[in-house]
Amino acid sequence: MNLSNIYTRAAFLLLLNFGLLTGCQSSQTPTKTTNAAATEETEPAVPLKRVDVRGTIIRKVYDQGQVTLEVEGITSQYSRFTRAYVLVTPITQIIGLDGKTLSMNELFEGQNVAILLRGGGQGNLTGVGVARKLWLEERY
């Protein structure tokens, strides 16, 4: 086998691999750019009827980019806990009264909230968990 034949085969294999790799890449669907508006419309801007805890924030502690809330709940058939200690992380979705997203620093003591906990939380009457989604509610 001569040297030019080896170079020809190597070039052919290189082009074949390149063609296969780019073909696989273009067949994938794009990331959430096309359906972003549709998913925002389907997610509820108002709190769900059944949540893990619904009540008033009675204590807020900020430490190293995370907020811990102590929520005193109301007794209701639509909430699991009457009291909860909730960790609010930067990835928690916080939705205001107008349906827009809020940041953690807009939470304060005395606000009414409804919270879904990641994994459903732990405990019997007092829930402990990480907030997945948090809605602000009107005063009651």
N, C-alpha and C. Protein backbone atom coordinates (compact mmCIF):
# COMPACT_ATOMS: atom_id res chain seq x y z
N MET A 1 0.84 -1.16 0.00
CA MET A 1 0.00 0.00 0.00
C MET A 1 0.89 1.23 0.00
N ASN A 2 0.61 2.14 -0.89
CA ASN A 2 1.45 3.33 -0.95
C ASN A 2 0.91 4.42 -0.03
N LEU A 3 1.73 5.42 0.18
CA LEU A 3 1.45 6.49 1.13
C LEU A 3 0.25 7.35 0.70
N SER A 4 0.07 7.61 -0.58
CA SER A 4 -1.03 8.45 -1.04
C SER A 4 -2.36 7.75 -0.85
N ASN A 5 -2.39 6.41 -0.94
CA ASN A 5 -3.60 5.65 -0.72
C ASN A 5 -4.03 5.74 0.74
N ILE A 6 -3.10 5.73 1.68
CA ILE A 6 -3.41 5.86 3.12
C ILE A 6 -3.98 7.25 3.41
N TYR A 7 -3.39 8.28 2.81
CA TYR A 7 -3.90 9.64 3.01
C TYR A 7 -5.30 9.79 2.43
N THR A 8 -5.57 9.16 1.31
CA THR A 8 -6.89 9.24 0.70
C THR A 8 -7.93 8.57 1.60
N ARG A 9 -7.61 7.39 2.13
CA ARG A 9 -8.54 6.69 3.02
C ARG A 9 -8.75 7.47 4.33
N ALA A 10 -7.69 8.04 4.88
CA ALA A 10 -7.82 8.82 6.11
C ALA A 10 -8.69 10.05 5.89
N ALA A 11 -8.52 10.72 4.76
CA ALA A 11 -9.33 11.89 4.45
C ALA A 11 -10.79 11.49 4.27
N PHE A 12 -11.03 10.36 3.60
CA PHE A 12 -12.39 9.87 3.41
C PHE A 12 -13.05 9.55 4.75
N LEU A 13 -12.34 8.88 5.66
CA LEU A 13 -12.89 8.55 6.97
C LEU A 13 -13.15 9.81 7.81
N LEU A 14 -12.29 10.77 7.70
CA LEU A 14 -12.47 12.03 8.41
C LEU A 14 -13.72 12.74 7.92
N LEU A 15 -13.94 12.82 6.62
CA LEU A 15 -15.13 13.46 6.07
C LEU A 15 -16.39 12.67 6.42
N LEU A 16 -16.30 11.35 6.42
CA LEU A 16 -17.44 10.52 6.78
C LEU A 16 -17.84 10.76 8.24
N ASN A 17 -16.88 10.79 9.15
CA ASN A 17 -17.16 11.07 10.57
C ASN A 17 -17.73 12.46 10.76
N PHE A 18 -17.18 13.43 10.07
CA PHE A 18 -17.68 14.80 10.16
C PHE A 18 -19.12 14.88 9.68
N GLY A 19 -19.43 14.20 8.58
CA GLY A 19 -20.79 14.18 8.06
C GLY A 19 -21.77 13.53 9.01
N LEU A 20 -21.37 12.44 9.62
CA LEU A 20 -22.24 11.76 10.57
C LEU A 20 -22.49 12.59 11.82
N LEU A 21 -21.45 13.23 12.34
CA LEU A 21 -21.61 14.02 13.55
C LEU A 21 -22.46 15.26 13.32
N THR A 22 -22.28 15.94 12.23
CA THR A 22 -23.09 17.13 11.97
C THR A 22 -24.51 16.75 11.61
N GLY A 23 -24.72 15.60 11.00
CA GLY A 23 -26.07 15.15 10.70
C GLY A 23 -26.85 14.87 11.97
N CYS A 24 -26.24 14.27 12.97
CA CYS A 24 -26.91 13.99 14.24
C CYS A 24 -27.21 15.28 14.99
N GLN A 25 -26.33 16.23 14.89
CA GLN A 25 -26.52 17.48 15.62
C GLN A 25 -27.68 18.28 15.05
N SER A 26 -27.84 18.30 13.74
CA SER A 26 -28.91 19.10 13.15
C SER A 26 -30.27 18.44 13.29
N SER A 27 -30.33 17.15 13.59
CA SER A 27 -31.62 16.49 13.72
C SER A 27 -32.25 16.69 15.09
N GLN A 28 -31.53 17.25 16.05
CA GLN A 28 -32.08 17.47 17.38
C GLN A 28 -33.00 18.68 17.36
N THR A 29 -33.98 18.67 18.26
CA THR A 29 -34.88 19.80 18.36
C THR A 29 -34.21 20.93 19.11
N PRO A 30 -34.54 22.16 18.80
CA PRO A 30 -33.94 23.28 19.50
C PRO A 30 -34.42 23.36 20.94
N THR A 31 -33.65 24.03 21.78
CA THR A 31 -34.01 24.15 23.19
C THR A 31 -35.04 25.24 23.38
N LYS A 32 -36.10 24.99 24.07
CA LYS A 32 -37.17 25.84 24.54
C LYS A 32 -37.36 27.20 23.88
N THR A 33 -36.72 27.51 22.79
CA THR A 33 -36.91 28.82 22.19
C THR A 33 -38.25 28.94 21.51
N THR A 34 -38.77 27.85 20.95
CA THR A 34 -40.03 27.93 20.22
C THR A 34 -41.24 27.84 21.12
N ASN A 35 -41.16 27.11 22.23
CA ASN A 35 -42.31 26.90 23.09
C ASN A 35 -42.25 27.70 24.38
N ALA A 36 -41.38 28.69 24.48
CA ALA A 36 -41.24 29.45 25.72
C ALA A 36 -42.52 30.22 26.04
N ALA A 37 -43.13 30.82 25.04
CA ALA A 37 -44.34 31.59 25.27
C ALA A 37 -45.50 30.68 25.65
N ALA A 38 -45.56 29.50 25.06
CA ALA A 38 -46.65 28.57 25.35
C ALA A 38 -46.57 28.05 26.78
N THR A 39 -45.37 27.78 27.30
CA THR A 39 -45.26 27.26 28.66
C THR A 39 -45.57 28.33 29.69
N GLU A 40 -45.27 29.58 29.41
CA GLU A 40 -45.58 30.64 30.36
C GLU A 40 -47.08 30.84 30.48
N GLU A 41 -47.81 30.62 29.38
CA GLU A 41 -49.25 30.79 29.42
C GLU A 41 -49.93 29.66 30.18
N THR A 42 -49.36 28.44 30.14
CA THR A 42 -50.01 27.32 30.78
C THR A 42 -49.74 27.24 32.27
N GLU A 43 -48.65 27.84 32.76
CA GLU A 43 -48.37 27.78 34.19
C GLU A 43 -49.28 28.75 34.93
N PRO A 44 -49.84 28.31 36.05
CA PRO A 44 -50.79 29.17 36.75
C PRO A 44 -50.11 30.35 37.45
N ALA A 45 -50.69 31.53 37.30
CA ALA A 45 -50.18 32.71 37.97
C ALA A 45 -50.81 32.85 39.36
N VAL A 46 -51.92 32.16 39.58
CA VAL A 46 -52.56 32.17 40.89
C VAL A 46 -52.18 30.88 41.60
N PRO A 47 -52.17 30.89 42.93
CA PRO A 47 -51.78 29.68 43.65
C PRO A 47 -52.75 28.53 43.40
N LEU A 48 -52.21 27.35 43.48
CA LEU A 48 -53.04 26.16 43.35
C LEU A 48 -53.98 26.05 44.53
N LYS A 49 -55.04 25.30 44.36
CA LYS A 49 -55.99 25.13 45.46
C LYS A 49 -55.36 24.30 46.58
N ARG A 50 -54.62 23.26 46.21
CA ARG A 50 -53.99 22.38 47.19
C ARG A 50 -52.50 22.63 47.18
N VAL A 51 -51.95 23.11 48.30
CA VAL A 51 -50.52 23.39 48.43
C VAL A 51 -50.01 22.73 49.71
N ASP A 52 -48.69 22.75 49.89
CA ASP A 52 -48.12 22.15 51.09
C ASP A 52 -48.33 23.03 52.32
N VAL A 53 -48.16 24.33 52.18
CA VAL A 53 -48.42 25.24 53.30
C VAL A 53 -48.98 26.54 52.76
N ARG A 54 -49.98 27.06 53.47
CA ARG A 54 -50.58 28.34 53.13
C ARG A 54 -50.69 29.13 54.42
N GLY A 55 -50.10 30.32 54.44
CA GLY A 55 -50.15 31.09 55.67
C GLY A 55 -49.38 32.39 55.58
N THR A 56 -48.96 32.90 56.73
CA THR A 56 -48.29 34.20 56.85
C THR A 56 -46.84 34.01 57.23
N ILE A 57 -45.97 34.78 56.60
CA ILE A 57 -44.55 34.74 56.96
C ILE A 57 -44.39 35.45 58.30
N ILE A 58 -43.91 34.73 59.32
CA ILE A 58 -43.72 35.36 60.62
C ILE A 58 -42.25 35.61 60.93
N ARG A 59 -41.36 35.00 60.15
CA ARG A 59 -39.93 35.23 60.35
C ARG A 59 -39.19 34.98 59.05
N LYS A 60 -38.22 35.85 58.76
CA LYS A 60 -37.41 35.72 57.55
C LYS A 60 -35.95 35.88 57.94
N VAL A 61 -35.11 34.90 57.55
CA VAL A 61 -33.68 34.95 57.84
C VAL A 61 -32.92 34.79 56.53
N TYR A 62 -32.05 35.76 56.22
CA TYR A 62 -31.24 35.70 55.00
C TYR A 62 -29.81 35.30 55.38
N ASP A 63 -29.26 34.28 54.68
CA ASP A 63 -27.90 33.84 54.97
C ASP A 63 -27.29 33.23 53.71
N GLN A 64 -26.21 33.81 53.23
CA GLN A 64 -25.41 33.31 52.12
C GLN A 64 -26.23 33.01 50.87
N GLY A 65 -27.07 33.95 50.47
CA GLY A 65 -27.82 33.80 49.23
C GLY A 65 -29.08 32.97 49.33
N GLN A 66 -29.42 32.53 50.52
CA GLN A 66 -30.64 31.75 50.72
C GLN A 66 -31.47 32.38 51.82
N VAL A 67 -32.77 32.22 51.71
CA VAL A 67 -33.69 32.78 52.69
C VAL A 67 -34.43 31.62 53.35
N THR A 68 -34.50 31.68 54.67
CA THR A 68 -35.31 30.71 55.40
C THR A 68 -36.53 31.44 55.94
N LEU A 69 -37.71 30.88 55.64
CA LEU A 69 -38.97 31.48 56.09
C LEU A 69 -39.61 30.58 57.13
N GLU A 70 -40.17 31.22 58.13
CA GLU A 70 -41.03 30.50 59.07
C GLU A 70 -42.45 30.94 58.76
N VAL A 71 -43.28 30.00 58.36
CA VAL A 71 -44.64 30.32 57.92
C VAL A 71 -45.62 29.71 58.89
N GLU A 72 -46.47 30.56 59.45
CA GLU A 72 -47.55 30.13 60.33
C GLU A 72 -48.78 29.96 59.46
N GLY A 73 -49.22 28.72 59.29
CA GLY A 73 -50.30 28.43 58.36
C GLY A 73 -51.66 28.53 59.00
N ILE A 74 -52.64 28.50 58.14
CA ILE A 74 -54.01 28.45 58.59
C ILE A 74 -54.47 27.00 58.49
N THR A 75 -55.39 26.61 59.34
CA THR A 75 -55.91 25.25 59.29
C THR A 75 -56.88 25.17 58.13
N SER A 76 -56.56 24.31 57.18
CA SER A 76 -57.37 24.20 55.98
C SER A 76 -57.28 22.78 55.45
N GLN A 77 -58.32 22.34 54.79
CA GLN A 77 -58.29 21.02 54.17
C GLN A 77 -57.43 21.03 52.91
N TYR A 78 -57.05 22.21 52.43
CA TYR A 78 -56.29 22.31 51.20
C TYR A 78 -54.80 22.53 51.41
N SER A 79 -54.32 22.49 52.66
CA SER A 79 -52.89 22.59 52.92
C SER A 79 -52.47 21.46 53.86
N ARG A 80 -51.24 20.99 53.67
CA ARG A 80 -50.76 19.86 54.46
C ARG A 80 -50.30 20.25 55.85
N PHE A 81 -49.66 21.42 55.98
CA PHE A 81 -49.03 21.80 57.24
C PHE A 81 -49.66 23.07 57.79
N THR A 82 -49.69 23.18 59.12
CA THR A 82 -50.16 24.40 59.76
C THR A 82 -49.00 25.33 60.09
N ARG A 83 -47.78 24.80 60.05
CA ARG A 83 -46.57 25.59 60.31
C ARG A 83 -45.47 24.96 59.48
N ALA A 84 -44.57 25.81 58.93
CA ALA A 84 -43.49 25.25 58.11
C ALA A 84 -42.25 26.12 58.20
N TYR A 85 -41.11 25.46 58.09
CA TYR A 85 -39.82 26.12 57.97
C TYR A 85 -39.34 25.82 56.55
N VAL A 86 -39.24 26.86 55.76
CA VAL A 86 -39.04 26.70 54.32
C VAL A 86 -37.75 27.38 53.89
N LEU A 87 -36.92 26.67 53.14
CA LEU A 87 -35.71 27.24 52.56
C LEU A 87 -36.05 27.71 51.15
N VAL A 88 -35.81 28.99 50.89
CA VAL A 88 -36.04 29.58 49.57
C VAL A 88 -34.68 29.79 48.93
N THR A 89 -34.43 29.08 47.84
CA THR A 89 -33.15 29.16 47.14
C THR A 89 -33.28 30.09 45.92
N PRO A 90 -32.17 30.44 45.28
CA PRO A 90 -32.26 31.31 44.10
C PRO A 90 -33.04 30.70 42.94
N ILE A 91 -33.22 29.39 42.90
CA ILE A 91 -33.97 28.79 41.80
C ILE A 91 -35.46 28.62 42.09
N THR A 92 -35.91 29.02 43.28
CA THR A 92 -37.32 28.96 43.63
C THR A 92 -38.09 29.97 42.80
N GLN A 93 -39.22 29.55 42.23
CA GLN A 93 -40.08 30.47 41.49
C GLN A 93 -40.96 31.21 42.48
N ILE A 94 -40.86 32.53 42.48
CA ILE A 94 -41.67 33.37 43.37
C ILE A 94 -42.57 34.22 42.49
N ILE A 95 -43.88 34.07 42.68
CA ILE A 95 -44.85 34.75 41.82
C ILE A 95 -45.64 35.73 42.67
N GLY A 96 -45.69 36.97 42.21
CA GLY A 96 -46.37 38.04 42.94
C GLY A 96 -47.87 38.04 42.71
N LEU A 97 -48.54 39.03 43.29
CA LEU A 97 -49.99 39.14 43.17
C LEU A 97 -50.43 39.40 41.74
N ASP A 98 -49.58 40.07 40.96
CA ASP A 98 -49.92 40.39 39.57
C ASP A 98 -49.51 39.29 38.60
N GLY A 99 -48.95 38.18 39.10
CA GLY A 99 -48.56 37.07 38.24
C GLY A 99 -47.15 37.16 37.70
N LYS A 100 -46.42 38.20 38.06
CA LYS A 100 -45.05 38.36 37.59
C LYS A 100 -44.07 37.77 38.59
N THR A 101 -42.89 37.41 38.10
CA THR A 101 -41.88 36.81 38.95
C THR A 101 -41.23 37.87 39.84
N LEU A 102 -40.99 37.50 41.09
CA LEU A 102 -40.35 38.38 42.06
C LEU A 102 -39.02 37.78 42.49
N SER A 103 -38.20 38.58 43.17
CA SER A 103 -36.95 38.08 43.72
C SER A 103 -37.13 37.82 45.22
N MET A 104 -36.12 37.15 45.80
CA MET A 104 -36.20 36.80 47.22
C MET A 104 -36.24 38.02 48.13
N ASN A 105 -35.60 39.11 47.72
CA ASN A 105 -35.55 40.27 48.59
C ASN A 105 -36.88 41.03 48.65
N GLU A 106 -37.87 40.61 47.87
CA GLU A 106 -39.19 41.23 47.93
C GLU A 106 -40.14 40.49 48.86
N LEU A 107 -39.62 39.48 49.55
CA LEU A 107 -40.40 38.77 50.57
C LEU A 107 -40.15 39.44 51.91
N PHE A 108 -41.20 39.64 52.69
CA PHE A 108 -41.02 40.22 54.01
C PHE A 108 -42.06 39.66 54.97
N GLU A 109 -41.82 39.87 56.25
CA GLU A 109 -42.70 39.36 57.29
C GLU A 109 -44.08 40.00 57.18
N GLY A 110 -45.10 39.20 57.39
CA GLY A 110 -46.47 39.68 57.33
C GLY A 110 -47.17 39.38 56.00
N GLN A 111 -46.43 38.96 54.99
CA GLN A 111 -47.05 38.63 53.71
C GLN A 111 -47.71 37.25 53.80
N ASN A 112 -48.79 37.10 53.06
CA ASN A 112 -49.45 35.80 52.97
C ASN A 112 -48.90 35.07 51.75
N VAL A 113 -48.59 33.79 51.93
CA VAL A 113 -47.99 33.01 50.86
C VAL A 113 -48.64 31.63 50.77
N ALA A 114 -48.51 31.03 49.61
CA ALA A 114 -48.84 29.62 49.38
C ALA A 114 -47.59 28.99 48.80
N ILE A 115 -47.17 27.85 49.35
CA ILE A 115 -45.88 27.27 48.99
C ILE A 115 -46.03 25.80 48.64
N LEU A 116 -45.40 25.43 47.51
CA LEU A 116 -45.21 24.02 47.17
C LEU A 116 -43.78 23.66 47.53
N LEU A 117 -43.62 22.60 48.30
CA LEU A 117 -42.29 22.17 48.73
C LEU A 117 -41.75 21.09 47.80
N ARG A 118 -40.46 21.11 47.58
CA ARG A 118 -39.81 20.08 46.77
C ARG A 118 -39.87 18.76 47.53
N GLY A 119 -40.38 17.74 46.90
CA GLY A 119 -40.50 16.44 47.55
C GLY A 119 -41.63 16.37 48.56
N GLY A 120 -42.47 17.38 48.62
CA GLY A 120 -43.59 17.36 49.54
C GLY A 120 -43.27 17.74 50.97
N GLY A 121 -42.00 17.95 51.29
CA GLY A 121 -41.64 18.34 52.65
C GLY A 121 -41.63 17.15 53.59
N GLN A 122 -41.21 17.39 54.82
CA GLN A 122 -41.16 16.34 55.83
C GLN A 122 -41.84 16.85 57.09
N GLY A 123 -42.36 15.94 57.87
CA GLY A 123 -42.99 16.30 59.13
C GLY A 123 -44.47 15.98 59.12
N ASN A 124 -45.07 16.06 60.31
CA ASN A 124 -46.50 15.80 60.43
C ASN A 124 -47.29 17.10 60.44
N LEU A 125 -47.21 17.83 61.51
CA LEU A 125 -47.91 19.12 61.56
C LEU A 125 -47.00 20.28 61.19
N THR A 126 -45.71 20.14 61.43
CA THR A 126 -44.75 21.17 61.08
C THR A 126 -43.92 20.67 59.91
N GLY A 127 -44.02 21.36 58.79
CA GLY A 127 -43.29 20.95 57.59
C GLY A 127 -41.92 21.59 57.53
N VAL A 128 -40.96 20.85 57.01
CA VAL A 128 -39.61 21.34 56.80
C VAL A 128 -39.24 20.95 55.38
N GLY A 129 -38.84 21.92 54.57
CA GLY A 129 -38.48 21.57 53.20
C GLY A 129 -37.95 22.75 52.41
N VAL A 130 -37.67 22.48 51.15
CA VAL A 130 -37.15 23.47 50.21
C VAL A 130 -38.29 23.88 49.29
N ALA A 131 -38.50 25.18 49.15
CA ALA A 131 -39.59 25.68 48.32
C ALA A 131 -39.28 25.47 46.85
N ARG A 132 -40.24 24.92 46.14
CA ARG A 132 -40.14 24.78 44.70
C ARG A 132 -40.83 25.95 44.02
N LYS A 133 -42.01 26.31 44.52
CA LYS A 133 -42.77 27.43 43.96
C LYS A 133 -43.48 28.14 45.10
N LEU A 134 -43.50 29.47 45.04
CA LEU A 134 -44.07 30.28 46.11
C LEU A 134 -44.94 31.35 45.48
N TRP A 135 -46.17 31.48 45.93
CA TRP A 135 -47.08 32.51 45.45
C TRP A 135 -47.39 33.47 46.59
N LEU A 136 -47.41 34.76 46.29
CA LEU A 136 -47.92 35.74 47.25
C LEU A 136 -49.43 35.76 47.12
N GLU A 137 -50.12 35.94 48.26
CA GLU A 137 -51.58 35.94 48.26
C GLU A 137 -52.09 37.22 48.88
N GLU A 138 -53.35 37.50 48.61
CA GLU A 138 -54.01 38.66 49.22
C GLU A 138 -54.14 38.42 50.73
N ARG A 139 -54.29 39.51 51.47
CA ARG A 139 -54.47 39.39 52.92
C ARG A 139 -55.83 38.77 53.21
N TYR A 140 -55.84 37.91 54.24
CA TYR A 140 -57.12 37.31 54.66
C TYR A 140 -57.30 37.44 56.14
